[in-house]
């Protein structure tokens, strides 16, 4: 038996994955999707990418855990997206 964290995701797994929510990952998502992409779509891409990176680092995850992880990362990814958008506006990188 292992301790479950947010949304049924083990705490250690969520801790690893949240470490991948970085400004560089946000910039990559915006570059891929475009600067006018709605925040929720950018956040979904960031969460998906971080979950992919975690799954790859661990050599795989079962489907339910993978989905729960992506869902659990979404709120943090949305905050990161909003921070990134504000930073781009502040520095003039918004198109």
PDB file of N, CA and C in Angstrom:
ATOM      1  N   UNK A   1       0.843  -1.175   0.000  1.00  0.00           N
ATOM      2  CA  UNK A   1       0.000   0.000   0.000  1.00  0.00           C
ATOM      3  C   UNK A   1       0.891   1.243   0.000  1.00  0.00           C
ATOM      4  N   UNK A   2       0.529   2.226  -0.798  1.00  0.00           N
ATOM      5  CA  UNK A   2       1.294   3.469  -0.830  1.00  0.00           C
ATOM      6  C   UNK A   2       0.361   4.650  -0.606  1.00  0.00           C
ATOM      7  N   UNK A   3       0.907   5.713  -0.072  1.00  0.00           N
ATOM      8  CA  UNK A   3       0.111   6.905   0.213  1.00  0.00           C
ATOM      9  C   UNK A   3      -0.272   7.600  -1.079  1.00  0.00           C
ATOM     10  N   UNK A   4      -1.523   7.975  -1.162  1.00  0.00           N
ATOM     11  CA  UNK A   4      -2.010   8.700  -2.331  1.00  0.00           C
ATOM     12  C   UNK A   4      -2.025  10.189  -2.014  1.00  0.00           C
ATOM     13  N   UNK A   5      -1.687  10.972  -3.004  1.00  0.00           N
ATOM     14  CA  UNK A   5      -1.715  12.418  -2.858  1.00  0.00           C
ATOM     15  C   UNK A   5      -2.903  12.984  -3.612  1.00  0.00           C
ATOM     16  N   UNK A   6      -2.702  14.094  -4.268  1.00  0.00           N
ATOM     17  CA  UNK A   6      -3.758  14.792  -5.000  1.00  0.00           C
ATOM     18  C   UNK A   6      -4.351  13.910  -6.084  1.00  0.00           C
ATOM     19  N   UNK A   7      -5.667  13.843  -6.124  1.00  0.00           N
ATOM     20  CA  UNK A   7      -6.406  13.151  -7.183  1.00  0.00           C
ATOM     21  C   UNK A   7      -5.958  11.710  -7.386  1.00  0.00           C
ATOM     22  N   UNK A   8      -5.559  11.043  -6.308  1.00  0.00           N
ATOM     23  CA  UNK A   8      -5.163   9.651  -6.420  1.00  0.00           C
ATOM     24  C   UNK A   8      -3.766   9.420  -6.956  1.00  0.00           C
ATOM     25  N   UNK A   9      -2.974  10.464  -7.040  1.00  0.00           N
ATOM     26  CA  UNK A   9      -1.597  10.355  -7.530  1.00  0.00           C
ATOM     27  C   UNK A   9      -0.668  10.289  -6.319  1.00  0.00           C
ATOM     28  N   UNK A  10       0.226   9.307  -6.263  1.00  0.00           N
ATOM     29  CA  UNK A  10       1.164   9.249  -5.138  1.00  0.00           C
ATOM     30  C   UNK A  10       1.935  10.569  -4.997  1.00  0.00           C
ATOM     31  N   UNK A  11       2.138  10.983  -3.763  1.00  0.00           N
ATOM     32  CA  UNK A  11       2.808  12.253  -3.506  1.00  0.00           C
ATOM     33  C   UNK A  11       4.177  12.368  -4.145  1.00  0.00           C
ATOM     34  N   UNK A  12       4.965  11.295  -4.105  1.00  0.00           N
ATOM     35  CA  UNK A  12       6.308  11.330  -4.690  1.00  0.00           C
ATOM     36  C   UNK A  12       6.244  11.561  -6.195  1.00  0.00           C
ATOM     37  N   UNK A  13       5.214  10.991  -6.839  1.00  0.00           N
ATOM     38  CA  UNK A  13       5.071  11.142  -8.284  1.00  0.00           C
ATOM     39  C   UNK A  13       4.667  12.574  -8.631  1.00  0.00           C
ATOM     40  N   UNK A  14       3.735  13.109  -7.861  1.00  0.00           N
ATOM     41  CA  UNK A  14       3.310  14.487  -8.082  1.00  0.00           C
ATOM     42  C   UNK A  14       4.461  15.456  -7.822  1.00  0.00           C
ATOM     43  N   UNK A  15       5.251  15.197  -6.797  1.00  0.00           N
ATOM     44  CA  UNK A  15       6.406  16.057  -6.503  1.00  0.00           C
ATOM     45  C   UNK A  15       7.394  16.051  -7.664  1.00  0.00           C
ATOM     46  N   UNK A  16       7.654  14.883  -8.215  1.00  0.00           N
ATOM     47  CA  UNK A  16       8.567  14.799  -9.368  1.00  0.00           C
ATOM     48  C   UNK A  16       8.007  15.593 -10.546  1.00  0.00           C
ATOM     49  N   UNK A  17       6.745  15.378 -10.850  1.00  0.00           N
ATOM     50  CA  UNK A  17       6.141  16.006 -12.028  1.00  0.00           C
ATOM     51  C   UNK A  17       6.025  17.521 -11.885  1.00  0.00           C
ATOM     52  N   UNK A  18       5.708  18.012 -10.694  1.00  0.00           N
ATOM     53  CA  UNK A  18       5.588  19.465 -10.538  1.00  0.00           C
ATOM     54  C   UNK A  18       6.934  20.155 -10.711  1.00  0.00           C
ATOM     55  N   UNK A  19       8.010  19.434 -10.479  1.00  0.00           N
ATOM     56  CA  UNK A  19       9.337  19.991 -10.737  1.00  0.00           C
ATOM     57  C   UNK A  19       9.582  20.278 -12.208  1.00  0.00           C
ATOM     58  N   UNK A  20       8.742  19.714 -13.067  1.00  0.00           N
ATOM     59  CA  UNK A  20       8.866  19.936 -14.510  1.00  0.00           C
ATOM     60  C   UNK A  20       8.030  21.121 -14.999  1.00  0.00           C
ATOM     61  N   UNK A  21       7.268  21.734 -14.107  1.00  0.00           N
ATOM     62  CA  UNK A  21       6.479  22.918 -14.480  1.00  0.00           C
ATOM     63  C   UNK A  21       7.386  24.143 -14.378  1.00  0.00           C
ATOM     64  N   UNK A  22       8.105  24.413 -15.437  1.00  0.00           N
ATOM     65  CA  UNK A  22       9.116  25.471 -15.447  1.00  0.00           C
ATOM     66  C   UNK A  22       8.791  26.538 -16.486  1.00  0.00           C
ATOM     67  N   UNK A  23       9.347  27.735 -16.326  1.00  0.00           N
ATOM     68  CA  UNK A  23       9.164  28.770 -17.346  1.00  0.00           C
ATOM     69  C   UNK A  23       9.614  28.310 -18.741  1.00  0.00           C
ATOM     70  N   UNK A  24      10.659  27.513 -18.809  1.00  0.00           N
ATOM     71  CA  UNK A  24      11.119  27.018 -20.115  1.00  0.00           C
ATOM     72  C   UNK A  24      10.061  26.133 -20.764  1.00  0.00           C
ATOM     73  N   UNK A  25       9.374  25.324 -19.966  1.00  0.00           N
ATOM     74  CA  UNK A  25       8.315  24.461 -20.503  1.00  0.00           C
ATOM     75  C   UNK A  25       7.140  25.314 -20.976  1.00  0.00           C
ATOM     76  N   UNK A  26       6.828  26.389 -20.252  1.00  0.00           N
ATOM     77  CA  UNK A  26       5.762  27.295 -20.679  1.00  0.00           C
ATOM     78  C   UNK A  26       6.134  27.966 -21.991  1.00  0.00           C
ATOM     79  N   UNK A  27       7.360  28.431 -22.094  1.00  0.00           N
ATOM     80  CA  UNK A  27       7.817  29.077 -23.331  1.00  0.00           C
ATOM     81  C   UNK A  27       7.752  28.109 -24.502  1.00  0.00           C
ATOM     82  N   UNK A  28       8.097  26.867 -24.268  1.00  0.00           N
ATOM     83  CA  UNK A  28       8.036  25.848 -25.313  1.00  0.00           C
ATOM     84  C   UNK A  28       6.598  25.625 -25.774  1.00  0.00           C
ATOM     85  N   UNK A  29       5.667  25.571 -24.831  1.00  0.00           N
ATOM     86  CA  UNK A  29       4.256  25.380 -25.181  1.00  0.00           C
ATOM     87  C   UNK A  29       3.723  26.556 -25.984  1.00  0.00           C
ATOM     88  N   UNK A  30       4.077  27.770 -25.575  1.00  0.00           N
ATOM     89  CA  UNK A  30       3.634  28.964 -26.307  1.00  0.00           C
ATOM     90  C   UNK A  30       4.247  28.978 -27.699  1.00  0.00           C
ATOM     91  N   UNK A  31       5.496  28.591 -27.804  1.00  0.00           N
ATOM     92  CA  UNK A  31       6.157  28.532 -29.107  1.00  0.00           C
ATOM     93  C   UNK A  31       5.468  27.518 -30.015  1.00  0.00           C
ATOM     94  N   UNK A  32       5.103  26.388 -29.454  1.00  0.00           N
ATOM     95  CA  UNK A  32       4.447  25.330 -30.224  1.00  0.00           C
ATOM     96  C   UNK A  32       3.036  25.728 -30.652  1.00  0.00           C
ATOM     97  N   UNK A  33       2.270  26.329 -29.727  1.00  0.00           N
ATOM     98  CA  UNK A  33       0.853  26.607 -29.967  1.00  0.00           C
ATOM     99  C   UNK A  33       0.572  28.010 -30.487  1.00  0.00           C
ATOM    100  N   UNK A  34       1.480  28.942 -30.228  1.00  0.00           N
ATOM    101  CA  UNK A  34       1.280  30.326 -30.639  1.00  0.00           C
ATOM    102  C   UNK A  34       0.870  31.196 -29.471  1.00  0.00           C
ATOM    103  N   UNK A  35       1.295  32.468 -29.483  1.00  0.00           N
ATOM    104  CA  UNK A  35       1.059  33.362 -28.349  1.00  0.00           C
ATOM    105  C   UNK A  35      -0.404  33.763 -28.149  1.00  0.00           C
ATOM    106  N   UNK A  36      -1.238  33.548 -29.125  1.00  0.00           N
ATOM    107  CA  UNK A  36      -2.658  33.904 -28.989  1.00  0.00           C
ATOM    108  C   UNK A  36      -3.533  32.720 -28.567  1.00  0.00           C
ATOM    109  N   UNK A  37      -2.914  31.597 -28.293  1.00  0.00           N
ATOM    110  CA  UNK A  37      -3.649  30.411 -27.854  1.00  0.00           C
ATOM    111  C   UNK A  37      -4.242  30.675 -26.472  1.00  0.00           C
ATOM    112  N   UNK A  38      -5.508  30.303 -26.248  1.00  0.00           N
ATOM    113  CA  UNK A  38      -6.123  30.504 -24.928  1.00  0.00           C
ATOM    114  C   UNK A  38      -5.311  29.839 -23.812  1.00  0.00           C
ATOM    115  N   UNK A  39      -5.314  30.487 -22.652  1.00  0.00           N
ATOM    116  CA  UNK A  39      -4.522  30.022 -21.510  1.00  0.00           C
ATOM    117  C   UNK A  39      -4.792  28.569 -21.150  1.00  0.00           C
ATOM    118  N   UNK A  40      -6.051  28.147 -21.167  1.00  0.00           N
ATOM    119  CA  UNK A  40      -6.387  26.781 -20.773  1.00  0.00           C
ATOM    120  C   UNK A  40      -5.762  25.759 -21.724  1.00  0.00           C
ATOM    121  N   UNK A  41      -5.677  26.101 -23.004  1.00  0.00           N
ATOM    122  CA  UNK A  41      -5.052  25.191 -23.972  1.00  0.00           C
ATOM    123  C   UNK A  41      -3.543  25.115 -23.755  1.00  0.00           C
ATOM    124  N   UNK A  42      -2.936  26.257 -23.465  1.00  0.00           N
ATOM    125  CA  UNK A  42      -1.495  26.261 -23.180  1.00  0.00           C
ATOM    126  C   UNK A  42      -1.226  25.453 -21.908  1.00  0.00           C
ATOM    127  N   UNK A  43      -2.055  25.659 -20.888  1.00  0.00           N
ATOM    128  CA  UNK A  43      -1.891  24.913 -19.634  1.00  0.00           C
ATOM    129  C   UNK A  43      -2.047  23.413 -19.861  1.00  0.00           C
ATOM    130  N   UNK A  44      -3.004  23.027 -20.684  1.00  0.00           N
ATOM    131  CA  UNK A  44      -3.197  21.602 -20.979  1.00  0.00           C
ATOM    132  C   UNK A  44      -1.962  21.024 -21.662  1.00  0.00           C
ATOM    133  N   UNK A  45      -1.366  21.791 -22.567  1.00  0.00           N
ATOM    134  CA  UNK A  45      -0.146  21.336 -23.252  1.00  0.00           C
ATOM    135  C   UNK A  45       1.011  21.200 -22.262  1.00  0.00           C
ATOM    136  N   UNK A  46       1.145  22.160 -21.349  1.00  0.00           N
ATOM    137  CA  UNK A  46       2.215  22.098 -20.347  1.00  0.00           C
ATOM    138  C   UNK A  46       2.024  20.876 -19.451  1.00  0.00           C
ATOM    139  N   UNK A  47       0.794  20.666 -18.965  1.00  0.00           N
ATOM    140  CA  UNK A  47       0.513  19.516 -18.099  1.00  0.00           C
ATOM    141  C   UNK A  47       0.772  18.204 -18.833  1.00  0.00           C
ATOM    142  N   UNK A  48       0.349  18.130 -20.082  1.00  0.00           N
ATOM    143  CA  UNK A  48       0.568  16.924 -20.896  1.00  0.00           C
ATOM    144  C   UNK A  48       2.067  16.669 -21.087  1.00  0.00           C
ATOM    145  N   UNK A  49       2.800  17.729 -21.388  1.00  0.00           N
ATOM    146  CA  UNK A  49       4.235  17.594 -21.614  1.00  0.00           C
ATOM    147  C   UNK A  49       4.964  17.163 -20.337  1.00  0.00           C
ATOM    148  N   UNK A  50       4.576  17.743 -19.198  1.00  0.00           N
ATOM    149  CA  UNK A  50       5.200  17.363 -17.925  1.00  0.00           C
ATOM    150  C   UNK A  50       4.857  15.917 -17.563  1.00  0.00           C
ATOM    151  N   UNK A  51       3.624  15.510 -17.827  1.00  0.00           N
ATOM    152  CA  UNK A  51       3.237  14.119 -17.573  1.00  0.00           C
ATOM    153  C   UNK A  51       4.003  13.178 -18.503  1.00  0.00           C
ATOM    154  N   UNK A  52       4.169  13.587 -19.758  1.00  0.00           N
ATOM    155  CA  UNK A  52       4.964  12.786 -20.703  1.00  0.00           C
ATOM    156  C   UNK A  52       6.402  12.626 -20.204  1.00  0.00           C
ATOM    157  N   UNK A  53       6.985  13.735 -19.753  1.00  0.00           N
ATOM    158  CA  UNK A  53       8.359  13.699 -19.255  1.00  0.00           C
ATOM    159  C   UNK A  53       8.505  12.804 -18.037  1.00  0.00           C
ATOM    160  N   UNK A  54       7.522  12.859 -17.163  1.00  0.00           N
ATOM    161  CA  UNK A  54       7.541  12.012 -15.971  1.00  0.00           C
ATOM    162  C   UNK A  54       7.407  10.547 -16.358  1.00  0.00           C
ATOM    163  N   UNK A  55       6.468  10.276 -17.251  1.00  0.00           N
ATOM    164  CA  UNK A  55       6.264   8.894 -17.699  1.00  0.00           C
ATOM    165  C   UNK A  55       7.530   8.337 -18.352  1.00  0.00           C
ATOM    166  N   UNK A  56       8.160   9.145 -19.169  1.00  0.00           N
ATOM    167  CA  UNK A  56       9.395   8.719 -19.834  1.00  0.00           C
ATOM    168  C   UNK A  56      10.510   8.450 -18.818  1.00  0.00           C
ATOM    169  N   UNK A  57      10.644   9.352 -17.844  1.00  0.00           N
ATOM    170  CA  UNK A  57      11.699   9.201 -16.833  1.00  0.00           C
ATOM    171  C   UNK A  57      11.523   7.931 -16.003  1.00  0.00           C
ATOM    172  N   UNK A  58      10.276   7.526 -15.817  1.00  0.00           N
ATOM    173  CA  UNK A  58       9.994   6.352 -14.986  1.00  0.00           C
ATOM    174  C   UNK A  58       9.868   5.065 -15.790  1.00  0.00           C
ATOM    175  N   UNK A  59       9.959   5.170 -17.094  1.00  0.00           N
ATOM    176  CA  UNK A  59       9.827   3.974 -17.920  1.00  0.00           C
ATOM    177  C   UNK A  59       8.395   3.526 -18.113  1.00  0.00           C
ATOM    178  N   UNK A  60       7.453   4.440 -17.892  1.00  0.00           N
ATOM    179  CA  UNK A  60       6.043   4.140 -18.131  1.00  0.00           C
ATOM    180  C   UNK A  60       5.184   4.315 -16.895  1.00  0.00           C
ATOM    181  N   UNK A  61       3.914   4.575 -17.140  1.00  0.00           N
ATOM    182  CA  UNK A  61       2.895   4.673 -16.094  1.00  0.00           C
ATOM    183  C   UNK A  61       1.645   3.977 -16.620  1.00  0.00           C
ATOM    184  N   UNK A  62       0.839   3.425 -15.708  1.00  0.00           N
ATOM    185  CA  UNK A  62      -0.421   2.861 -16.185  1.00  0.00           C
ATOM    186  C   UNK A  62      -1.336   4.013 -16.611  1.00  0.00           C
ATOM    187  N   UNK A  63      -2.281   3.711 -17.473  1.00  0.00           N
ATOM    188  CA  UNK A  63      -3.134   4.734 -18.091  1.00  0.00           C
ATOM    189  C   UNK A  63      -3.875   5.591 -17.059  1.00  0.00           C
ATOM    190  N   UNK A  64      -4.431   4.967 -16.029  1.00  0.00           N
ATOM    191  CA  UNK A  64      -5.192   5.712 -15.022  1.00  0.00           C
ATOM    192  C   UNK A  64      -4.294   6.671 -14.240  1.00  0.00           C
ATOM    193  N   UNK A  65      -3.118   6.208 -13.858  1.00  0.00           N
ATOM    194  CA  UNK A  65      -2.185   7.068 -13.125  1.00  0.00           C
ATOM    195  C   UNK A  65      -1.715   8.208 -14.007  1.00  0.00           C
ATOM    196  N   UNK A  66      -1.438   7.916 -15.263  1.00  0.00           N
ATOM    197  CA  UNK A  66      -0.974   8.935 -16.215  1.00  0.00           C
ATOM    198  C   UNK A  66      -2.022  10.034 -16.365  1.00  0.00           C
ATOM    199  N   UNK A  67      -3.278   9.644 -16.521  1.00  0.00           N
ATOM    200  CA  UNK A  67      -4.366  10.613 -16.684  1.00  0.00           C
ATOM    201  C   UNK A  67      -4.559  11.420 -15.399  1.00  0.00           C
ATOM    202  N   UNK A  68      -4.542  10.740 -14.252  1.00  0.00           N
ATOM    203  CA  UNK A  68      -4.701  11.432 -12.970  1.00  0.00           C
ATOM    204  C   UNK A  68      -3.562  12.423 -12.744  1.00  0.00           C
ATOM    205  N   UNK A  69      -2.359  12.045 -13.146  1.00  0.00           N
ATOM    206  CA  UNK A  69      -1.211  12.941 -13.003  1.00  0.00           C
ATOM    207  C   UNK A  69      -1.398  14.189 -13.855  1.00  0.00           C
ATOM    208  N   UNK A  70      -1.775  14.001 -15.105  1.00  0.00           N
ATOM    209  CA  UNK A  70      -1.988  15.149 -15.988  1.00  0.00           C
ATOM    210  C   UNK A  70      -3.067  16.073 -15.426  1.00  0.00           C
ATOM    211  N   UNK A  71      -4.159  15.488 -14.935  1.00  0.00           N
ATOM    212  CA  UNK A  71      -5.233  16.292 -14.340  1.00  0.00           C
ATOM    213  C   UNK A  71      -4.736  17.055 -13.111  1.00  0.00           C
ATOM    214  N   UNK A  72      -3.944  16.389 -12.265  1.00  0.00           N
ATOM    215  CA  UNK A  72      -3.434  17.025 -11.046  1.00  0.00           C
ATOM    216  C   UNK A  72      -2.465  18.160 -11.354  1.00  0.00           C
ATOM    217  N   UNK A  73      -1.773  18.081 -12.480  1.00  0.00           N
ATOM    218  CA  UNK A  73      -0.811  19.117 -12.864  1.00  0.00           C
ATOM    219  C   UNK A  73      -1.474  20.349 -13.478  1.00  0.00           C
ATOM    220  N   UNK A  74      -2.718  20.230 -13.882  1.00  0.00           N
ATOM    221  CA  UNK A  74      -3.340  21.300 -14.663  1.00  0.00           C
ATOM    222  C   UNK A  74      -3.409  22.635 -13.921  1.00  0.00           C
ATOM    223  N   UNK A  75      -3.774  22.635 -12.650  1.00  0.00           N
ATOM    224  CA  UNK A  75      -3.878  23.904 -11.910  1.00  0.00           C
ATOM    225  C   UNK A  75      -2.530  24.617 -11.843  1.00  0.00           C
ATOM    226  N   UNK A  76      -1.474  23.880 -11.567  1.00  0.00           N
ATOM    227  CA  UNK A  76      -0.137  24.475 -11.540  1.00  0.00           C
ATOM    228  C   UNK A  76       0.288  24.964 -12.908  1.00  0.00           C
ATOM    229  N   UNK A  77      -0.063  24.197 -13.936  1.00  0.00           N
ATOM    230  CA  UNK A  77       0.269  24.593 -15.304  1.00  0.00           C
ATOM    231  C   UNK A  77      -0.487  25.857 -15.702  1.00  0.00           C
ATOM    232  N   UNK A  78      -1.721  25.993 -15.235  1.00  0.00           N
ATOM    233  CA  UNK A  78      -2.492  27.199 -15.537  1.00  0.00           C
ATOM    234  C   UNK A  78      -1.877  28.421 -14.851  1.00  0.00           C
ATOM    235  N   UNK A  79      -1.443  28.271 -13.619  1.00  0.00           N
ATOM    236  CA  UNK A  79      -0.752  29.375 -12.930  1.00  0.00           C
ATOM    237  C   UNK A  79       0.524  29.754 -13.664  1.00  0.00           C
ATOM    238  N   UNK A  80       1.275  28.755 -14.107  1.00  0.00           N
ATOM    239  CA  UNK A  80       2.501  29.003 -14.864  1.00  0.00           C
ATOM    240  C   UNK A  80       2.190  29.712 -16.181  1.00  0.00           C
ATOM    241  N   UNK A  81       1.126  29.306 -16.845  1.00  0.00           N
ATOM    242  CA  UNK A  81       0.711  29.939 -18.101  1.00  0.00           C
ATOM    243  C   UNK A  81       0.398  31.413 -17.882  1.00  0.00           C
ATOM    244  N   UNK A  82      -0.323  31.708 -16.819  1.00  0.00           N
ATOM    245  CA  UNK A  82      -0.689  33.104 -16.528  1.00  0.00           C
ATOM    246  C   UNK A  82       0.542  33.930 -16.180  1.00  0.00           C
ATOM    247  N   UNK A  83       1.450  33.355 -15.420  1.00  0.00           N
ATOM    248  CA  UNK A  83       2.704  34.038 -15.100  1.00  0.00           C
ATOM    249  C   UNK A  83       3.486  34.324 -16.376  1.00  0.00           C
ATOM    250  N   UNK A  84       3.576  33.324 -17.254  1.00  0.00           N
ATOM    251  CA  UNK A  84       4.310  33.475 -18.508  1.00  0.00           C
ATOM    252  C   UNK A  84       3.681  34.563 -19.380  1.00  0.00           C
ATOM    253  N   UNK A  85       2.357  34.575 -19.472  1.00  0.00           N
ATOM    254  CA  UNK A  85       1.673  35.584 -20.292  1.00  0.00           C
ATOM    255  C   UNK A  85       1.923  36.986 -19.738  1.00  0.00           C
ATOM    256  N   UNK A  86       1.859  37.139 -18.421  1.00  0.00           N
ATOM    257  CA  UNK A  86       2.119  38.446 -17.814  1.00  0.00           C
ATOM    258  C   UNK A  86       3.559  38.875 -18.057  1.00  0.00           C
ATOM    259  N   UNK A  87       4.479  37.940 -17.966  1.00  0.00           N
ATOM    260  CA  UNK A  87       5.888  38.250 -18.205  1.00  0.00           C
ATOM    261  C   UNK A  87       6.119  38.654 -19.658  1.00  0.00           C
ATOM    262  N   UNK A  88       5.465  37.954 -20.584  1.00  0.00           N
ATOM    263  CA  UNK A  88       5.617  38.313 -22.003  1.00  0.00           C
ATOM    264  C   UNK A  88       5.042  39.701 -22.278  1.00  0.00           C
ATOM    265  N   UNK A  89       3.909  40.025 -21.647  1.00  0.00           N
ATOM    266  CA  UNK A  89       3.337  41.378 -21.816  1.00  0.00           C
ATOM    267  C   UNK A  89       4.285  42.429 -21.246  1.00  0.00           C
ATOM    268  N   UNK A  90       4.832  42.138 -20.067  1.00  0.00           N
ATOM    269  CA  UNK A  90       5.722  43.084 -19.395  1.00  0.00           C
ATOM    270  C   UNK A  90       6.986  43.338 -20.209  1.00  0.00           C
ATOM    271  N   UNK A  91       7.510  42.289 -20.828  1.00  0.00           N
ATOM    272  CA  UNK A  91       8.761  42.428 -21.575  1.00  0.00           C
ATOM    273  C   UNK A  91       8.553  42.740 -23.050  1.00  0.00           C
ATOM    274  N   UNK A  92       7.285  42.785 -23.477  1.00  0.00           N
ATOM    275  CA  UNK A  92       6.995  43.137 -24.865  1.00  0.00           C
ATOM    276  C   UNK A  92       7.098  41.997 -25.848  1.00  0.00           C
ATOM    277  N   UNK A  93       7.076  40.750 -25.375  1.00  0.00           N
ATOM    278  CA  UNK A  93       7.170  39.607 -26.287  1.00  0.00           C
ATOM    279  C   UNK A  93       5.817  39.121 -26.787  1.00  0.00           C
ATOM    280  N   UNK A  94       4.723  39.791 -26.414  1.00  0.00           N
ATOM    281  CA  UNK A  94       3.400  39.414 -26.896  1.00  0.00           C
ATOM    282  C   UNK A  94       3.232  39.909 -28.318  1.00  0.00           C
ATOM    283  N   UNK A  95       2.675  39.069 -29.148  1.00  0.00           N
ATOM    284  CA  UNK A  95       2.470  39.459 -30.553  1.00  0.00           C
ATOM    285  C   UNK A  95       1.040  39.780 -30.828  1.00  0.00           C
TER     286      UNK A  95
END
